């Protein structure tokens, strides 16, 4: 890429390659480091477990599961006349036995995920609903 300009750097109407047109901010001085080995960390050297140990943070999956359970509790305590509460009650009480399901693997629904989140607490959906 070549730019043409009237007066740039003493060159009048000359073609200037784009490589030569660098802003002055790109020429920064290098920071002074006493021991460069301290600042060099390979990204593949630190595992997720090490990051969690250093920061004291729980795994992201457990944080997401707790937030899902908090939302379930919020929906379970909602006024029974509200739509989201009625839908949740209908899905927890399972459809009639004569309903046909699609062939193949069952879908992973939000309530099935909630059931999996409740297993470590040894609770089912109905028990969690009543305790909420």
C-alpha atoms as a PDB file:
ATOM      1  CA  UNK A   1       0.000   0.000   0.000  1.00  0.00           C
ATOM      2  CA  UNK A   2       1.404   3.395  -0.956  1.00  0.00           C
ATOM      3  CA  UNK A   3       0.157   6.817   0.139  1.00  0.00           C
ATOM      4  CA  UNK A   4       0.705  10.112  -1.700  1.00  0.00           C
ATOM      5  CA  UNK A   5       1.037  13.338   0.192  1.00  0.00           C
ATOM      6  CA  UNK A   6       1.943  16.926  -0.532  1.00  0.00           C
ATOM      7  CA  UNK A   7       4.598  17.452   2.141  1.00  0.00           C
ATOM      8  CA  UNK A   8       5.586  14.635   4.435  1.00  0.00           C
ATOM      9  CA  UNK A   9       8.998  14.509   6.005  1.00  0.00           C
ATOM     10  CA  UNK A  10      10.524  16.816   3.449  1.00  0.00           C
ATOM     11  CA  UNK A  11       9.423  14.657   0.552  1.00  0.00           C
ATOM     12  CA  UNK A  12       7.205  16.578  -1.754  1.00  0.00           C
ATOM     13  CA  UNK A  13       4.567  14.585  -3.689  1.00  0.00           C
ATOM     14  CA  UNK A  14       6.573  11.402  -3.245  1.00  0.00           C
ATOM     15  CA  UNK A  15       5.177   7.934  -2.839  1.00  0.00           C
ATOM     16  CA  UNK A  16       5.658   6.774   0.772  1.00  0.00           C
ATOM     17  CA  UNK A  17       5.276   3.087   1.586  1.00  0.00           C
ATOM     18  CA  UNK A  18       2.725   2.417   4.332  1.00  0.00           C
ATOM     19  CA  UNK A  19       5.395   0.633   6.363  1.00  0.00           C
ATOM     20  CA  UNK A  20       7.262   3.914   6.838  1.00  0.00           C
ATOM     21  CA  UNK A  21       4.137   5.688   8.140  1.00  0.00           C
ATOM     22  CA  UNK A  22       4.123   4.406  11.708  1.00  0.00           C
ATOM     23  CA  UNK A  23       2.723   6.503  14.528  1.00  0.00           C
ATOM     24  CA  UNK A  24       5.170   7.663  17.167  1.00  0.00           C
ATOM     25  CA  UNK A  25       3.326   5.791  19.930  1.00  0.00           C
ATOM     26  CA  UNK A  26       4.562   2.440  18.617  1.00  0.00           C
ATOM     27  CA  UNK A  27       8.142   3.161  19.625  1.00  0.00           C
ATOM     28  CA  UNK A  28       7.846   2.648  23.373  1.00  0.00           C
ATOM     29  CA  UNK A  29      10.875   2.062  25.549  1.00  0.00           C
ATOM     30  CA  UNK A  30      11.180  -1.420  27.023  1.00  0.00           C
ATOM     31  CA  UNK A  31      10.286  -1.594  30.738  1.00  0.00           C
ATOM     32  CA  UNK A  32      13.237  -2.248  32.998  1.00  0.00           C
ATOM     33  CA  UNK A  33      13.005  -5.668  34.609  1.00  0.00           C
ATOM     34  CA  UNK A  34      15.503  -6.786  37.217  1.00  0.00           C
ATOM     35  CA  UNK A  35      15.013 -10.507  36.642  1.00  0.00           C
ATOM     36  CA  UNK A  36      13.316 -11.348  33.318  1.00  0.00           C
ATOM     37  CA  UNK A  37      12.890 -15.003  34.346  1.00  0.00           C
ATOM     38  CA  UNK A  38      10.305 -13.966  36.983  1.00  0.00           C
ATOM     39  CA  UNK A  39       7.972 -12.502  34.376  1.00  0.00           C
ATOM     40  CA  UNK A  40       8.151 -15.289  31.818  1.00  0.00           C
ATOM     41  CA  UNK A  41       5.303 -17.739  32.452  1.00  0.00           C
ATOM     42  CA  UNK A  42       4.285 -20.295  29.892  1.00  0.00           C
ATOM     43  CA  UNK A  43       0.508 -20.335  29.462  1.00  0.00           C
ATOM     44  CA  UNK A  44       0.512 -24.133  29.275  1.00  0.00           C
ATOM     45  CA  UNK A  45       2.352 -24.415  32.596  1.00  0.00           C
ATOM     46  CA  UNK A  46      -0.561 -23.276  34.786  1.00  0.00           C
ATOM     47  CA  UNK A  47      -3.494 -25.658  35.149  1.00  0.00           C
ATOM     48  CA  UNK A  48      -7.046 -24.698  36.091  1.00  0.00           C
ATOM     49  CA  UNK A  49      -6.599 -26.389  39.461  1.00  0.00           C
ATOM     50  CA  UNK A  50      -3.526 -24.261  40.135  1.00  0.00           C
ATOM     51  CA  UNK A  51      -5.390 -21.060  39.237  1.00  0.00           C
ATOM     52  CA  UNK A  52      -8.279 -22.032  41.544  1.00  0.00           C
ATOM     53  CA  UNK A  53      -5.833 -22.876  44.333  1.00  0.00           C
ATOM     54  CA  UNK A  54      -4.050 -19.546  44.004  1.00  0.00           C
ATOM     55  CA  UNK A  55      -7.202 -17.444  43.774  1.00  0.00           C
ATOM     56  CA  UNK A  56      -9.376 -19.465  46.154  1.00  0.00           C
ATOM     57  CA  UNK A  57     -12.215 -19.586  43.614  1.00  0.00           C
ATOM     58  CA  UNK A  58     -14.543 -22.585  43.302  1.00  0.00           C
ATOM     59  CA  UNK A  59     -14.968 -24.354  39.953  1.00  0.00           C
ATOM     60  CA  UNK A  60     -17.232 -22.514  37.512  1.00  0.00           C
ATOM     61  CA  UNK A  61     -19.522 -25.541  37.196  1.00  0.00           C
ATOM     62  CA  UNK A  62     -20.378 -25.440  40.909  1.00  0.00           C
ATOM     63  CA  UNK A  63     -21.092 -21.693  40.734  1.00  0.00           C
ATOM     64  CA  UNK A  64     -23.451 -22.223  37.777  1.00  0.00           C
ATOM     65  CA  UNK A  65     -25.212 -25.130  39.541  1.00  0.00           C
ATOM     66  CA  UNK A  66     -25.787 -23.013  42.670  1.00  0.00           C
ATOM     67  CA  UNK A  67     -27.235 -20.190  40.606  1.00  0.00           C
ATOM     68  CA  UNK A  68     -29.543 -22.605  38.784  1.00  0.00           C
ATOM     69  CA  UNK A  69     -30.787 -23.888  42.140  1.00  0.00           C
ATOM     70  CA  UNK A  70     -31.337 -20.328  43.355  1.00  0.00           C
ATOM     71  CA  UNK A  71     -33.442 -19.615  40.268  1.00  0.00           C
ATOM     72  CA  UNK A  72     -35.394 -22.833  40.837  1.00  0.00           C
ATOM     73  CA  UNK A  73     -36.099 -21.741  44.427  1.00  0.00           C
ATOM     74  CA  UNK A  74     -37.216 -18.326  43.213  1.00  0.00           C
ATOM     75  CA  UNK A  75     -39.622 -19.916  40.710  1.00  0.00           C
ATOM     76  CA  UNK A  76     -40.892 -22.435  43.276  1.00  0.00           C
ATOM     77  CA  UNK A  77     -41.736 -19.654  45.756  1.00  0.00           C
ATOM     78  CA  UNK A  78     -43.509 -17.534  43.122  1.00  0.00           C
ATOM     79  CA  UNK A  79     -47.213 -16.774  43.344  1.00  0.00           C
ATOM     80  CA  UNK A  80     -49.158 -19.809  42.000  1.00  0.00           C
ATOM     81  CA  UNK A  81     -51.244 -17.556  39.750  1.00  0.00           C
ATOM     82  CA  UNK A  82     -48.191 -16.451  37.728  1.00  0.00           C
ATOM     83  CA  UNK A  83     -47.538 -18.193  34.423  1.00  0.00           C
ATOM     84  CA  UNK A  84     -43.979 -19.338  35.154  1.00  0.00           C
ATOM     85  CA  UNK A  85     -45.101 -20.928  38.403  1.00  0.00           C
ATOM     86  CA  UNK A  86     -47.976 -22.784  36.725  1.00  0.00           C
ATOM     87  CA  UNK A  87     -45.681 -24.055  33.943  1.00  0.00           C
ATOM     88  CA  UNK A  88     -43.115 -25.278  36.469  1.00  0.00           C
ATOM     89  CA  UNK A  89     -45.789 -27.075  38.495  1.00  0.00           C
ATOM     90  CA  UNK A  90     -47.149 -28.763  35.362  1.00  0.00           C
ATOM     91  CA  UNK A  91     -43.711 -29.991  34.263  1.00  0.00           C
ATOM     92  CA  UNK A  92     -42.757 -31.296  37.707  1.00  0.00           C
ATOM     93  CA  UNK A  93     -46.001 -33.282  37.960  1.00  0.00           C
ATOM     94  CA  UNK A  94     -45.036 -35.207  34.771  1.00  0.00           C
ATOM     95  CA  UNK A  95     -47.320 -35.600  31.759  1.00  0.00           C
ATOM     96  CA  UNK A  96     -49.948 -38.369  31.705  1.00  0.00           C
ATOM     97  CA  UNK A  97     -48.684 -41.899  31.073  1.00  0.00           C
ATOM     98  CA  UNK A  98     -50.561 -42.242  27.769  1.00  0.00           C
ATOM     99  CA  UNK A  99     -48.551 -39.432  26.152  1.00  0.00           C
ATOM    100  CA  UNK A 100     -46.088 -40.629  23.560  1.00  0.00           C
ATOM    101  CA  UNK A 101     -42.476 -39.456  23.614  1.00  0.00           C
ATOM    102  CA  UNK A 102     -40.226 -38.922  20.651  1.00  0.00           C
ATOM    103  CA  UNK A 103     -38.008 -41.807  19.621  1.00  0.00           C
ATOM    104  CA  UNK A 104     -34.354 -41.627  20.587  1.00  0.00           C
ATOM    105  CA  UNK A 105     -32.461 -40.241  23.510  1.00  0.00           C
ATOM    106  CA  UNK A 106     -34.495 -38.006  25.860  1.00  0.00           C
ATOM    107  CA  UNK A 107     -33.708 -34.324  25.593  1.00  0.00           C
ATOM    108  CA  UNK A 108     -31.674 -32.593  28.280  1.00  0.00           C
ATOM    109  CA  UNK A 109     -34.211 -30.191  29.734  1.00  0.00           C
ATOM    110  CA  UNK A 110     -33.674 -27.530  32.375  1.00  0.00           C
ATOM    111  CA  UNK A 111     -35.548 -29.596  34.966  1.00  0.00           C
ATOM    112  CA  UNK A 112     -33.383 -32.659  34.262  1.00  0.00           C
ATOM    113  CA  UNK A 113     -30.346 -30.468  34.839  1.00  0.00           C
ATOM    114  CA  UNK A 114     -31.895 -29.280  38.119  1.00  0.00           C
ATOM    115  CA  UNK A 115     -32.423 -32.933  39.116  1.00  0.00           C
ATOM    116  CA  UNK A 116     -28.723 -33.576  38.490  1.00  0.00           C
ATOM    117  CA  UNK A 117     -27.808 -30.491  40.540  1.00  0.00           C
ATOM    118  CA  UNK A 118     -29.967 -31.767  43.431  1.00  0.00           C
ATOM    119  CA  UNK A 119     -28.394 -35.252  43.554  1.00  0.00           C
ATOM    120  CA  UNK A 120     -25.431 -34.262  45.780  1.00  0.00           C
ATOM    121  CA  UNK A 121     -27.979 -32.969  48.313  1.00  0.00           C
ATOM    122  CA  UNK A 122     -29.994 -36.219  48.043  1.00  0.00           C
ATOM    123  CA  UNK A 123     -33.122 -34.318  47.003  1.00  0.00           C
ATOM    124  CA  UNK A 124     -35.653 -34.798  44.238  1.00  0.00           C
ATOM    125  CA  UNK A 125     -37.647 -32.132  42.413  1.00  0.00           C
ATOM    126  CA  UNK A 126     -40.756 -32.519  44.565  1.00  0.00           C
ATOM    127  CA  UNK A 127     -38.790 -32.378  47.822  1.00  0.00           C
ATOM    128  CA  UNK A 128     -36.871 -29.315  46.655  1.00  0.00           C
ATOM    129  CA  UNK A 129     -40.159 -27.730  45.551  1.00  0.00           C
ATOM    130  CA  UNK A 130     -41.668 -28.270  49.015  1.00  0.00           C
ATOM    131  CA  UNK A 131     -38.547 -26.967  50.823  1.00  0.00           C
ATOM    132  CA  UNK A 132     -38.260 -23.819  48.704  1.00  0.00           C
END
